Amino acid sequence: MSASEQPPSLYASREPIFPKRVSGNYRRLKWIIMIVTLGIYYVTPWIRWDRGAKLPDQAVLVDLANRRFFFFWIEIWPHEFYFVAGLLIMAGLGLFLFTSALGRVWCGYTCPQTVWTDLFILVERWVEGDRNARIRLLRQKWDARKARLRITKWAAWFAIAVATGGAWVFYFADAPTLLHDLVTFQAPFVAYSTVGLLTATTFIFGGFMREQVCIYMCPWPRIQAAMMDEDTITIAYRSWRGEPRGKHRRKHVEVAETTRTADAISQREAPADAPVMGDCIDCNACVNVCPMGIDIRDGQQLECITCGLCIDACNEIMDKIGQPRGLIDYMALTDEEHEKSGQTPVPVLRHILRPRTILYTVLWSGVGIGLVAALFMREDISVTVAPIRNPVFITLSDGTIRNTYDVRLRNKHGEDRPYEITVEADEPFAVALEGSDTQTVMVPADSTMLQRVYIMAAPGSEAAVSDRTDLWIHVEDTVSREATEKSTVFNGKEAQ
């Protein structure tokens, strides 16, 4: 290669994709899912839930300051993080299950990137027109009309992006209070920075990057191959029915038709050498509506998110030319061989119920049942005991041996509760609470309290002279009579 020759560029500029408007069952399903999911996202922080005077009344709240998570009547404490871990495991198993059974239905219908991209495309279509109008606008030079349309579209996108970022921060603080602080510029910097970051990412990802996020940034297209097999139901093109394709197929159909009128007695027949055409008329309707800009007729592709819009577009064309629907449809790869050979396709249920999906369902259900069981079996009070071992024990003036313990009491009720602390052991012990003349301490509502407890053995008792004596610190809610206990040890003189 000479010095004047340049190596070929490996970079290709992105070609903007302008999906054409389409109507049909799958498009309606996507609209419904969009409305439901966005409604849940934007409305949930404003739902109120009465938990008492000392607890927040926001139904769903991630209370980072107090390290708790509220979900309607459920309250998750920091030591119960296994609930969050369990939900994440269920989400992963659910994604595996749906991908194994139905391909990338998560990506095509409920992924946040898909939902907000659909919303941004809807706004773009309202402002600039359908596909052809948007393509013409892209190619024309800048003028007052183009600037007005672009500014209007970007302003609408920005409003949606701000609402998106704002809705997210409302999950982490009382929504009405935070909204007031945001508009009066009294909110903390982290709130404004979070809203700004989410606004920017939503605006850029949903408005400009769109399919590039799914193709280049999301790892799931690379992982999905491990979840899918020949029985996975996904979108496919019935090439054995559609090929050979051609734009003049309707002409051959008309030539072969029989024309009957009151005076006509002749029948027109197709020439013997006329090619036998498939049902696909190569109209590219499936390509024009695809938000990923691919041609499903080329076979399975990494970019396909199985949104079903190409099915709606193709069915509409099939209706117009009088051919059966389903040239592009949800189907399994094994159905292709059956249909080509004229056999009856395998029932959909048999595709879904197979060892892999059954295993994922069992695992998913097992984790869910375990979380529900743990939720209803957990105690409303909990205790942790930490013996103080510096020094191991103290000998009082009368010869009494005293051990010290830090007992952390957790009251999960919405009101203050008195907790009585006693000791259960084979040897007699005396119990004293720091700061209290009795063995009862008042624990504030929905909070934890660290209480220092002194346990004493009488001079000359077996516990006082033994190296180690097992005992149980018993804690009882004197109102509800709920109780729990923790095992620990008492160290005597032989421990020195």
Protein backbone atom coordinates (compact mmCIF):
# COMPACT_ATOMS: atom_id res chain seq x y z
CA MET A 1 0.00 0.00 0.00
CA SER A 2 1.45 3.34 -1.02
CA ALA A 3 1.73 6.25 1.37
CA SER A 4 -1.03 8.09 -0.47
CA GLU A 5 -3.51 5.25 -0.09
CA GLN A 6 -5.66 5.24 3.00
CA PRO A 7 -6.80 2.00 4.69
CA PRO A 8 -10.51 1.32 4.44
CA SER A 9 -12.51 2.81 7.26
CA LEU A 10 -14.10 0.35 9.67
CA TYR A 11 -16.47 2.99 10.99
CA ALA A 12 -19.94 3.41 9.55
CA SER A 13 -22.12 6.35 10.48
CA ARG A 14 -25.45 5.48 12.01
CA GLU A 15 -28.38 5.59 9.66
CA PRO A 16 -31.37 7.04 11.53
CA ILE A 17 -34.34 4.69 11.76
CA PHE A 18 -37.82 6.11 11.32
CA PRO A 19 -40.39 3.37 12.07
CA LYS A 20 -43.63 3.69 10.16
CA ARG A 21 -46.92 3.84 12.02
CA VAL A 22 -48.69 0.50 12.15
CA SER A 23 -51.85 -0.84 13.75
CA GLY A 24 -52.65 -4.32 14.89
CA ASN A 25 -52.90 -6.64 17.86
CA TYR A 26 -49.27 -6.40 18.90
CA ARG A 27 -49.15 -2.64 18.50
CA ARG A 28 -52.24 -2.34 20.71
CA LEU A 29 -50.64 -4.64 23.26
CA LYS A 30 -47.55 -2.45 23.32
CA TRP A 31 -49.69 0.67 23.85
CA ILE A 32 -51.45 -1.00 26.78
CA ILE A 33 -48.18 -2.10 28.36
CA MET A 34 -46.72 1.37 27.86
CA ILE A 35 -49.66 3.05 29.57
CA VAL A 36 -49.68 0.59 32.47
CA THR A 37 -45.94 0.61 33.12
CA LEU A 38 -45.51 4.37 32.81
CA GLY A 39 -48.62 4.88 34.94
CA ILE A 40 -47.17 2.68 37.68
CA TYR A 41 -43.80 4.42 37.47
CA TYR A 42 -45.12 7.97 37.64
CA VAL A 43 -48.04 7.46 40.07
CA THR A 44 -46.62 5.05 42.66
CA PRO A 45 -44.61 7.60 44.71
CA TRP A 46 -47.79 9.62 45.30
CA ILE A 47 -49.82 6.77 46.78
CA ARG A 48 -50.29 7.20 50.53
CA TRP A 49 -50.34 4.41 53.14
CA ASP A 50 -51.11 5.13 56.82
CA ARG A 51 -48.55 3.45 59.09
CA GLY A 52 -49.05 5.57 62.18
CA ALA A 53 -47.85 8.94 63.43
CA LYS A 54 -44.16 8.03 63.65
CA LEU A 55 -43.74 6.33 60.28
CA PRO A 56 -43.77 7.70 56.71
CA ASP A 57 -47.12 7.51 54.93
CA GLN A 58 -45.69 6.94 51.44
CA ALA A 59 -46.79 3.55 50.12
CA VAL A 60 -43.48 2.77 48.37
CA LEU A 61 -40.39 4.38 49.85
CA VAL A 62 -36.70 3.56 49.89
CA ASP A 63 -35.74 5.31 53.14
CA LEU A 64 -31.97 5.52 52.81
CA ALA A 65 -31.59 7.79 55.86
CA ASN A 66 -33.10 5.14 58.14
CA ARG A 67 -31.92 2.23 55.96
CA ARG A 68 -35.35 0.75 55.37
CA PHE A 69 -37.64 -0.08 52.50
CA PHE A 70 -41.41 0.38 52.72
CA PHE A 71 -43.79 -1.36 50.33
CA PHE A 72 -47.39 -0.79 51.39
CA TRP A 73 -47.79 -2.95 54.55
CA ILE A 74 -44.33 -4.52 54.23
CA GLU A 75 -41.26 -3.02 55.88
CA ILE A 76 -37.80 -4.36 55.07
CA TRP A 77 -34.96 -3.66 57.53
CA PRO A 78 -31.23 -3.67 56.72
CA HIS A 79 -30.69 -7.12 58.27
CA GLU A 80 -33.47 -8.43 56.01
CA PHE A 81 -31.68 -7.59 52.78
CA TYR A 82 -32.11 -11.20 51.76
CA PHE A 83 -35.63 -10.20 50.66
CA VAL A 84 -34.13 -7.79 48.11
CA ALA A 85 -31.61 -10.41 47.04
CA GLY A 86 -34.45 -12.91 46.62
CA LEU A 87 -36.43 -10.50 44.45
CA LEU A 88 -33.37 -9.94 42.24
CA ILE A 89 -32.94 -13.69 41.89
CA MET A 90 -36.61 -14.01 40.95
CA ALA A 91 -36.20 -11.25 38.36
CA GLY A 92 -33.23 -13.07 36.81
CA LEU A 93 -34.99 -16.44 36.77
CA GLY A 94 -38.10 -14.80 35.33
CA LEU A 95 -36.05 -13.28 32.53
CA PHE A 96 -34.50 -16.68 31.81
CA LEU A 97 -37.95 -18.30 31.83
CA PHE A 98 -39.62 -15.87 29.45
CA THR A 99 -36.62 -15.80 27.11
CA SER A 100 -36.52 -19.61 26.95
CA ALA A 101 -40.25 -19.80 26.26
CA LEU A 102 -40.98 -16.70 24.16
CA GLY A 103 -37.68 -15.13 23.15
CA ARG A 104 -36.98 -11.48 23.90
CA VAL A 105 -40.51 -10.54 24.93
CA TRP A 106 -39.07 -8.53 27.84
CA CYS A 107 -37.03 -6.46 25.40
CA GLY A 108 -39.90 -6.00 22.98
CA TYR A 109 -42.63 -5.02 25.41
CA THR A 110 -41.56 -4.07 28.95
CA CYS A 111 -37.90 -3.02 28.90
CA PRO A 112 -37.65 0.65 30.04
CA GLN A 113 -35.53 1.47 27.00
CA THR A 114 -38.25 0.08 24.71
CA VAL A 115 -41.08 1.81 26.56
CA TRP A 116 -39.49 5.25 26.58
CA THR A 117 -38.25 4.90 22.99
CA ASP A 118 -41.81 4.08 21.91
CA LEU A 119 -43.03 7.16 23.74
CA PHE A 120 -40.38 9.37 22.14
CA ILE A 121 -41.18 7.99 18.67
CA LEU A 122 -44.87 8.69 19.30
CA VAL A 123 -44.06 12.33 20.13
CA GLU A 124 -41.82 12.55 17.07
CA ARG A 125 -44.61 11.24 14.85
CA TRP A 126 -47.10 13.73 16.30
CA VAL A 127 -44.76 16.67 15.66
CA GLU A 128 -42.99 15.77 12.40
CA GLY A 129 -45.36 13.31 10.74
CA ASP A 130 -45.06 9.67 9.76
CA ARG A 131 -42.01 7.91 8.34
CA ASN A 132 -41.79 9.55 4.90
CA ALA A 133 -42.33 13.03 6.32
CA ARG A 134 -39.58 12.50 8.90
CA ILE A 135 -37.17 11.22 6.27
CA ARG A 136 -37.83 14.26 4.07
CA LEU A 137 -37.34 16.54 7.06
CA LEU A 138 -34.01 14.89 7.86
CA ARG A 139 -32.71 15.39 4.32
CA GLN A 140 -33.86 18.96 3.78
CA LYS A 141 -31.74 21.94 4.69
CA TRP A 142 -32.31 23.84 7.88
CA ASP A 143 -34.98 26.52 7.65
CA ALA A 144 -37.52 28.11 9.99
CA ARG A 145 -40.00 25.22 9.68
CA LYS A 146 -37.41 22.54 10.38
CA ALA A 147 -36.06 24.46 13.34
CA ARG A 148 -39.57 24.94 14.75
CA LEU A 149 -40.43 21.24 14.44
CA ARG A 150 -37.14 20.11 15.93
CA ILE A 151 -37.34 22.53 18.86
CA THR A 152 -40.94 21.48 19.56
CA LYS A 153 -40.00 17.81 19.49
CA TRP A 154 -36.93 18.26 21.68
CA ALA A 155 -38.91 20.35 24.17
CA ALA A 156 -41.50 17.57 24.50
CA TRP A 157 -38.73 14.98 24.87
CA PHE A 158 -37.07 17.10 27.53
CA ALA A 159 -40.32 17.43 29.48
CA ILE A 160 -40.74 13.65 29.46
CA ALA A 161 -37.11 13.17 30.49
CA VAL A 162 -37.45 15.62 33.40
CA ALA A 163 -40.62 13.88 34.57
CA THR A 164 -38.77 10.57 34.37
CA GLY A 165 -35.82 11.73 36.45
CA GLY A 166 -38.11 13.52 38.89
CA ALA A 167 -40.30 10.46 39.39
CA TRP A 168 -37.27 8.35 40.27
CA VAL A 169 -36.05 10.56 43.13
CA PHE A 170 -39.56 10.61 44.62
CA TYR A 171 -39.09 6.95 45.52
CA PHE A 172 -36.32 7.93 47.96
CA ALA A 173 -38.03 10.72 49.92
CA ASP A 174 -41.50 11.95 50.75
CA ALA A 175 -42.79 12.93 47.30
CA PRO A 176 -44.87 16.07 48.14
CA THR A 177 -42.13 17.44 50.41
CA LEU A 178 -39.37 16.75 47.91
CA LEU A 179 -41.37 18.29 45.05
CA HIS A 180 -41.82 21.47 47.07
CA ASP A 181 -38.11 21.56 47.90
CA LEU A 182 -37.15 20.97 44.26
CA VAL A 183 -39.27 23.81 42.86
CA THR A 184 -38.20 26.19 45.65
CA PHE A 185 -34.53 25.23 45.24
CA GLN A 186 -34.28 23.91 48.79
CA ALA A 187 -33.62 20.27 47.90
CA PRO A 188 -30.18 18.74 48.52
CA PHE A 189 -27.65 18.73 45.72
CA VAL A 190 -27.87 14.94 45.32
CA ALA A 191 -31.54 15.29 44.36
CA TYR A 192 -30.81 17.82 41.60
CA SER A 193 -27.80 15.85 40.34
CA THR A 194 -29.84 12.62 40.20
CA VAL A 195 -32.69 14.31 38.33
CA GLY A 196 -30.18 15.89 35.94
CA LEU A 197 -28.38 12.61 35.25
CA LEU A 198 -31.60 10.65 34.63
CA THR A 199 -33.00 13.47 32.51
CA ALA A 200 -29.90 13.46 30.31
CA THR A 201 -29.79 9.68 29.91
CA THR A 202 -33.51 9.42 29.14
CA PHE A 203 -33.32 12.26 26.62
CA ILE A 204 -30.27 10.83 24.85
CA PHE A 205 -31.09 7.12 25.03
CA GLY A 206 -34.77 7.42 24.13
CA GLY A 207 -34.45 10.26 21.64
CA PHE A 208 -31.19 9.76 19.80
CA MET A 209 -29.47 6.45 20.55
CA ARG A 210 -32.59 4.26 20.59
CA GLU A 211 -31.74 0.92 18.96
CA GLN A 212 -28.02 1.47 19.58
CA VAL A 213 -28.60 1.03 23.30
CA CYS A 214 -30.11 -2.39 22.64
CA ILE A 215 -27.49 -3.45 20.12
CA TYR A 216 -24.25 -2.15 21.62
CA MET A 217 -24.83 -1.28 25.29
CA CYS A 218 -27.19 -3.98 26.52
CA PRO A 219 -25.55 -7.37 27.24
CA TRP A 220 -28.77 -9.36 26.93
CA PRO A 221 -28.67 -9.87 23.12
CA ARG A 222 -25.40 -11.77 23.62
CA ILE A 223 -26.73 -13.79 26.56
CA GLN A 224 -30.09 -14.70 25.06
CA ALA A 225 -28.58 -17.36 22.78
CA ALA A 226 -27.84 -19.49 25.84
CA MET A 227 -31.49 -19.27 26.90
CA MET A 228 -33.06 -20.15 23.54
CA ASP A 229 -33.26 -23.37 21.55
CA GLU A 230 -35.20 -24.73 18.56
CA ASP A 231 -38.41 -24.90 20.62
CA THR A 232 -38.32 -21.26 21.72
CA ILE A 233 -41.22 -19.31 20.26
CA THR A 234 -39.93 -16.22 18.49
CA ILE A 235 -40.71 -14.14 15.42
CA ALA A 236 -39.92 -15.82 12.11
CA TYR A 237 -40.67 -15.47 8.41
CA ARG A 238 -42.30 -18.42 6.63
CA SER A 239 -39.88 -18.41 3.70
CA TRP A 240 -41.32 -21.61 2.26
CA ARG A 241 -44.58 -19.75 1.82
CA GLY A 242 -43.28 -16.30 0.93
CA GLU A 243 -40.55 -17.17 -1.57
CA PRO A 244 -39.87 -16.39 -4.30
CA ARG A 245 -40.93 -12.90 -3.45
CA GLY A 246 -41.67 -10.24 -6.00
CA LYS A 247 -43.41 -6.91 -6.43
CA HIS A 248 -45.36 -8.17 -9.46
CA ARG A 249 -47.04 -11.06 -7.73
CA ARG A 250 -50.47 -9.43 -7.99
CA LYS A 251 -50.13 -9.26 -11.77
CA HIS A 252 -49.68 -13.02 -11.99
CA VAL A 253 -52.61 -13.58 -9.69
CA GLU A 254 -54.84 -11.42 -11.87
CA VAL A 255 -53.70 -13.24 -15.02
CA ALA A 256 -54.71 -16.55 -13.47
CA GLU A 257 -58.12 -15.37 -12.30
CA THR A 258 -61.32 -16.36 -14.04
CA THR A 259 -63.31 -13.42 -15.34
CA ARG A 260 -67.05 -13.86 -15.43
CA THR A 261 -69.54 -11.28 -16.67
CA ALA A 262 -72.97 -11.44 -18.19
CA ASP A 263 -71.48 -11.50 -21.74
CA ALA A 264 -68.15 -13.21 -21.05
CA ILE A 265 -67.84 -16.89 -21.82
CA SER A 266 -64.05 -17.07 -22.03
CA GLN A 267 -61.58 -17.82 -19.28
CA ARG A 268 -58.20 -16.23 -19.06
CA GLU A 269 -55.46 -18.52 -17.87
CA ALA A 270 -51.96 -17.81 -16.75
CA PRO A 271 -49.25 -18.53 -19.31
CA ALA A 272 -47.58 -21.89 -18.86
CA ASP A 273 -44.18 -20.28 -18.33
CA ALA A 274 -45.44 -17.79 -15.69
CA PRO A 275 -43.30 -18.05 -12.51
CA VAL A 276 -44.97 -19.39 -9.38
CA MET A 277 -44.63 -16.55 -6.92
CA GLY A 278 -44.74 -16.69 -3.14
CA ASP A 279 -47.05 -14.69 -0.91
CA CYS A 280 -44.42 -12.04 -0.13
CA ILE A 281 -44.81 -9.11 -2.52
CA ASP A 282 -41.55 -7.51 -1.29
CA CYS A 283 -43.33 -4.38 -0.11
CA ASN A 284 -40.87 -3.88 2.77
CA ALA A 285 -43.72 -3.06 5.15
CA CYS A 286 -42.11 -5.31 7.78
CA VAL A 287 -38.83 -3.41 7.43
CA ASN A 288 -40.41 0.04 7.52
CA VAL A 289 -42.15 -0.55 10.86
CA CYS A 290 -39.20 -2.23 12.60
CA PRO A 291 -37.76 -0.03 15.39
CA MET A 292 -34.43 -1.85 15.02
CA GLY A 293 -34.25 -1.31 11.25
CA ILE A 294 -33.76 -4.98 10.34
CA ASP A 295 -35.40 -7.27 7.79
CA ILE A 296 -36.91 -10.26 9.57
CA ARG A 297 -36.94 -12.13 6.26
CA ASP A 298 -33.16 -12.48 6.60
CA GLY A 299 -33.68 -14.87 9.52
CA GLN A 300 -32.95 -14.63 13.23
CA GLN A 301 -30.77 -11.65 14.12
CA LEU A 302 -29.18 -10.33 17.28
CA GLU A 303 -30.96 -6.99 16.86
CA CYS A 304 -34.51 -8.41 16.84
CA ILE A 305 -36.41 -7.61 20.05
CA THR A 306 -39.51 -9.66 19.02
CA CYS A 307 -41.86 -6.69 19.41
CA GLY A 308 -44.32 -8.09 16.84
CA LEU A 309 -44.74 -4.91 14.80
CA CYS A 310 -43.56 -6.66 11.65
CA ILE A 311 -46.34 -9.21 12.18
CA ASP A 312 -48.96 -6.46 12.29
CA ALA A 313 -47.55 -4.82 9.16
CA CYS A 314 -47.40 -8.07 7.19
CA ASN A 315 -50.89 -9.17 8.27
CA GLU A 316 -52.25 -5.86 7.04
CA ILE A 317 -50.68 -6.44 3.62
CA MET A 318 -51.90 -10.04 3.49
CA ASP A 319 -55.45 -8.80 4.16
CA LYS A 320 -55.16 -6.34 1.28
CA ILE A 321 -53.99 -8.91 -1.26
CA GLY A 322 -56.38 -11.60 -0.07
CA GLN A 323 -53.79 -14.02 1.35
CA PRO A 324 -53.83 -15.79 4.72
CA ARG A 325 -52.26 -14.02 7.65
CA GLY A 326 -49.17 -15.37 9.37
CA LEU A 327 -46.49 -14.99 6.73
CA ILE A 328 -44.51 -13.45 9.59
CA ASP A 329 -45.55 -14.79 12.95
CA TYR A 330 -44.50 -16.06 16.36
CA MET A 331 -43.30 -19.63 15.90
CA ALA A 332 -40.57 -22.09 16.91
CA LEU A 333 -37.79 -23.24 14.62
CA THR A 334 -39.08 -26.81 14.81
CA ASP A 335 -42.36 -25.61 13.30
CA GLU A 336 -40.49 -24.68 10.13
CA GLU A 337 -39.57 -28.28 9.33
CA HIS A 338 -43.06 -29.53 10.15
CA GLU A 339 -44.78 -26.95 7.96
CA LYS A 340 -42.36 -27.45 5.07
CA SER A 341 -43.11 -31.17 5.04
CA GLY A 342 -46.85 -30.58 5.39
CA GLN A 343 -47.07 -31.89 8.94
CA THR A 344 -49.20 -30.35 11.67
CA PRO A 345 -47.16 -27.91 13.80
CA VAL A 346 -46.48 -28.80 17.42
CA PRO A 347 -49.01 -27.21 19.82
CA VAL A 348 -47.79 -24.00 21.43
CA LEU A 349 -48.16 -25.43 24.93
CA ARG A 350 -45.71 -28.21 24.11
CA HIS A 351 -43.15 -25.62 23.03
CA ILE A 352 -43.56 -23.77 26.31
CA LEU A 353 -43.73 -26.76 28.67
CA ARG A 354 -40.38 -28.42 28.22
CA PRO A 355 -37.64 -29.40 30.74
CA ARG A 356 -35.80 -26.07 30.61
CA THR A 357 -38.84 -23.87 31.19
CA ILE A 358 -40.23 -26.25 33.82
CA LEU A 359 -36.92 -26.08 35.71
CA TYR A 360 -36.90 -22.27 35.60
CA THR A 361 -40.54 -22.21 36.76
CA VAL A 362 -39.81 -24.52 39.69
CA LEU A 363 -36.79 -22.46 40.74
CA TRP A 364 -38.67 -19.18 40.35
CA SER A 365 -41.65 -20.48 42.32
CA GLY A 366 -39.40 -21.95 45.01
CA VAL A 367 -37.67 -18.65 45.63
CA GLY A 368 -41.01 -16.82 45.66
CA ILE A 369 -42.61 -19.26 48.09
CA GLY A 370 -39.54 -19.06 50.32
CA LEU A 371 -39.71 -15.25 50.42
CA VAL A 372 -43.42 -15.24 51.22
CA ALA A 373 -42.93 -17.82 53.96
CA ALA A 374 -40.02 -15.84 55.44
CA LEU A 375 -42.09 -12.66 55.29
CA PHE A 376 -44.93 -14.13 57.33
CA MET A 377 -42.68 -16.06 59.71
CA ARG A 378 -40.41 -13.19 60.70
CA GLU A 379 -40.71 -11.84 64.23
CA ASP A 380 -41.94 -8.36 65.08
CA ILE A 381 -39.14 -8.06 67.62
CA SER A 382 -35.54 -9.13 67.16
CA VAL A 383 -32.52 -9.20 69.41
CA THR A 384 -28.76 -9.40 68.97
CA VAL A 385 -26.39 -9.95 71.92
CA ALA A 386 -22.75 -8.87 71.98
CA PRO A 387 -20.79 -9.83 75.17
CA ILE A 388 -18.26 -7.24 76.35
CA ARG A 389 -14.96 -9.08 76.79
CA ASN A 390 -12.65 -6.30 77.93
CA PRO A 391 -12.60 -7.18 80.73
CA VAL A 392 -14.13 -10.64 80.57
CA PHE A 393 -15.74 -10.16 84.01
CA ILE A 394 -15.67 -7.79 86.96
CA THR A 395 -15.52 -8.80 90.64
CA LEU A 396 -17.63 -6.48 92.77
CA SER A 397 -16.78 -5.52 96.35
CA ASP A 398 -19.00 -8.24 97.82
CA GLY A 399 -17.45 -10.93 95.58
CA THR A 400 -20.24 -10.94 92.98
CA ILE A 401 -19.05 -11.78 89.45
CA ARG A 402 -20.53 -9.51 86.78
CA ASN A 403 -20.53 -9.89 82.99
CA THR A 404 -21.56 -7.06 80.65
CA TYR A 405 -23.54 -7.42 77.38
CA ASP A 406 -24.70 -5.02 74.71
CA VAL A 407 -28.21 -6.08 73.70
CA ARG A 408 -29.62 -4.51 70.54
CA LEU A 409 -33.42 -4.44 70.63
CA ARG A 410 -35.45 -3.89 67.48
CA ASN A 411 -39.10 -2.83 67.70
CA LYS A 412 -40.89 -3.28 64.37
CA HIS A 413 -44.23 -2.01 65.63
CA GLY A 414 -45.58 1.44 64.88
CA GLU A 415 -45.77 2.36 68.58
CA ASP A 416 -43.42 2.38 71.59
CA ARG A 417 -43.25 -1.01 73.30
CA PRO A 418 -41.94 -2.07 76.75
CA TYR A 419 -39.50 -4.98 76.53
CA GLU A 420 -38.71 -7.11 79.60
CA ILE A 421 -35.24 -8.66 79.71
CA THR A 422 -34.65 -11.80 81.78
CA VAL A 423 -32.16 -14.66 81.89
CA GLU A 424 -32.86 -18.34 81.53
CA ALA A 425 -30.16 -20.72 82.78
CA ASP A 426 -29.54 -23.70 85.04
CA GLU A 427 -27.87 -21.39 87.56
CA PRO A 428 -29.51 -18.38 89.26
CA PHE A 429 -28.44 -15.01 87.89
CA ALA A 430 -29.35 -11.41 88.69
CA VAL A 431 -30.08 -8.95 85.88
CA ALA A 432 -29.67 -5.17 85.87
CA LEU A 433 -30.27 -2.70 83.02
CA GLU A 434 -28.16 0.40 82.66
CA GLY A 435 -30.31 3.47 83.16
CA SER A 436 -33.30 1.54 84.53
CA ASP A 437 -34.35 0.41 88.01
CA THR A 438 -36.37 -2.46 86.57
CA GLN A 439 -35.80 -5.19 84.03
CA THR A 440 -38.08 -3.42 81.54
CA VAL A 441 -36.99 -0.88 78.94
CA MET A 442 -39.15 1.18 76.55
CA VAL A 443 -38.09 0.77 72.92
CA PRO A 444 -39.23 3.56 70.54
CA ALA A 445 -41.58 2.72 67.69
CA ASP A 446 -40.07 1.24 64.54
CA SER A 447 -36.50 1.66 65.66
CA THR A 448 -33.57 -0.08 67.28
CA MET A 449 -32.15 0.56 70.73
CA LEU A 450 -28.81 -0.47 72.22
CA GLN A 451 -29.23 -1.48 75.85
CA ARG A 452 -26.37 -2.38 78.18
CA VAL A 453 -27.25 -5.35 80.39
CA TYR A 454 -25.41 -6.57 83.47
CA ILE A 455 -25.72 -10.22 84.49
CA MET A 456 -24.37 -11.20 87.90
CA ALA A 457 -23.59 -14.49 89.69
CA ALA A 458 -23.55 -14.66 93.52
CA PRO A 459 -20.21 -15.18 95.30
CA GLY A 460 -19.29 -18.82 95.60
CA SER A 461 -21.95 -20.01 93.12
CA GLU A 462 -21.00 -22.54 90.47
CA ALA A 463 -21.38 -19.93 87.71
CA ALA A 464 -19.07 -17.53 89.58
CA VAL A 465 -16.22 -20.01 89.70
CA SER A 466 -16.81 -21.78 86.37
CA ASP A 467 -14.96 -20.88 83.23
CA ARG A 468 -18.09 -20.95 81.09
CA THR A 469 -21.80 -21.18 81.81
CA ASP A 470 -24.40 -21.28 79.06
CA LEU A 471 -27.41 -18.99 79.38
CA TRP A 472 -30.17 -17.42 77.30
CA ILE A 473 -31.16 -13.76 77.32
CA HIS A 474 -34.94 -13.71 77.01
CA VAL A 475 -36.75 -10.61 75.69
CA GLU A 476 -40.53 -10.30 75.84
CA ASP A 477 -42.90 -7.63 74.56
CA THR A 478 -45.11 -7.08 77.59
CA VAL A 479 -47.97 -5.77 75.42
CA SER A 480 -48.27 -8.45 72.73
CA ARG A 481 -46.44 -11.15 74.73
CA GLU A 482 -44.24 -11.86 71.74
CA ALA A 483 -40.86 -13.12 72.86
CA THR A 484 -37.48 -14.13 71.53
CA GLU A 485 -34.19 -15.18 73.05
CA LYS A 486 -30.52 -15.42 72.21
CA SER A 487 -27.92 -17.78 73.60
CA THR A 488 -24.65 -16.53 75.10
CA VAL A 489 -22.19 -17.51 77.83
CA PHE A 490 -21.28 -16.25 81.31
CA ASN A 491 -17.59 -16.24 82.28
CA GLY A 492 -16.52 -16.81 85.89
CA LYS A 493 -13.23 -16.60 87.75
CA GLU A 494 -11.72 -19.58 85.98
CA ALA A 495 -11.82 -17.58 82.74
CA GLN A 496 -8.93 -15.36 83.88
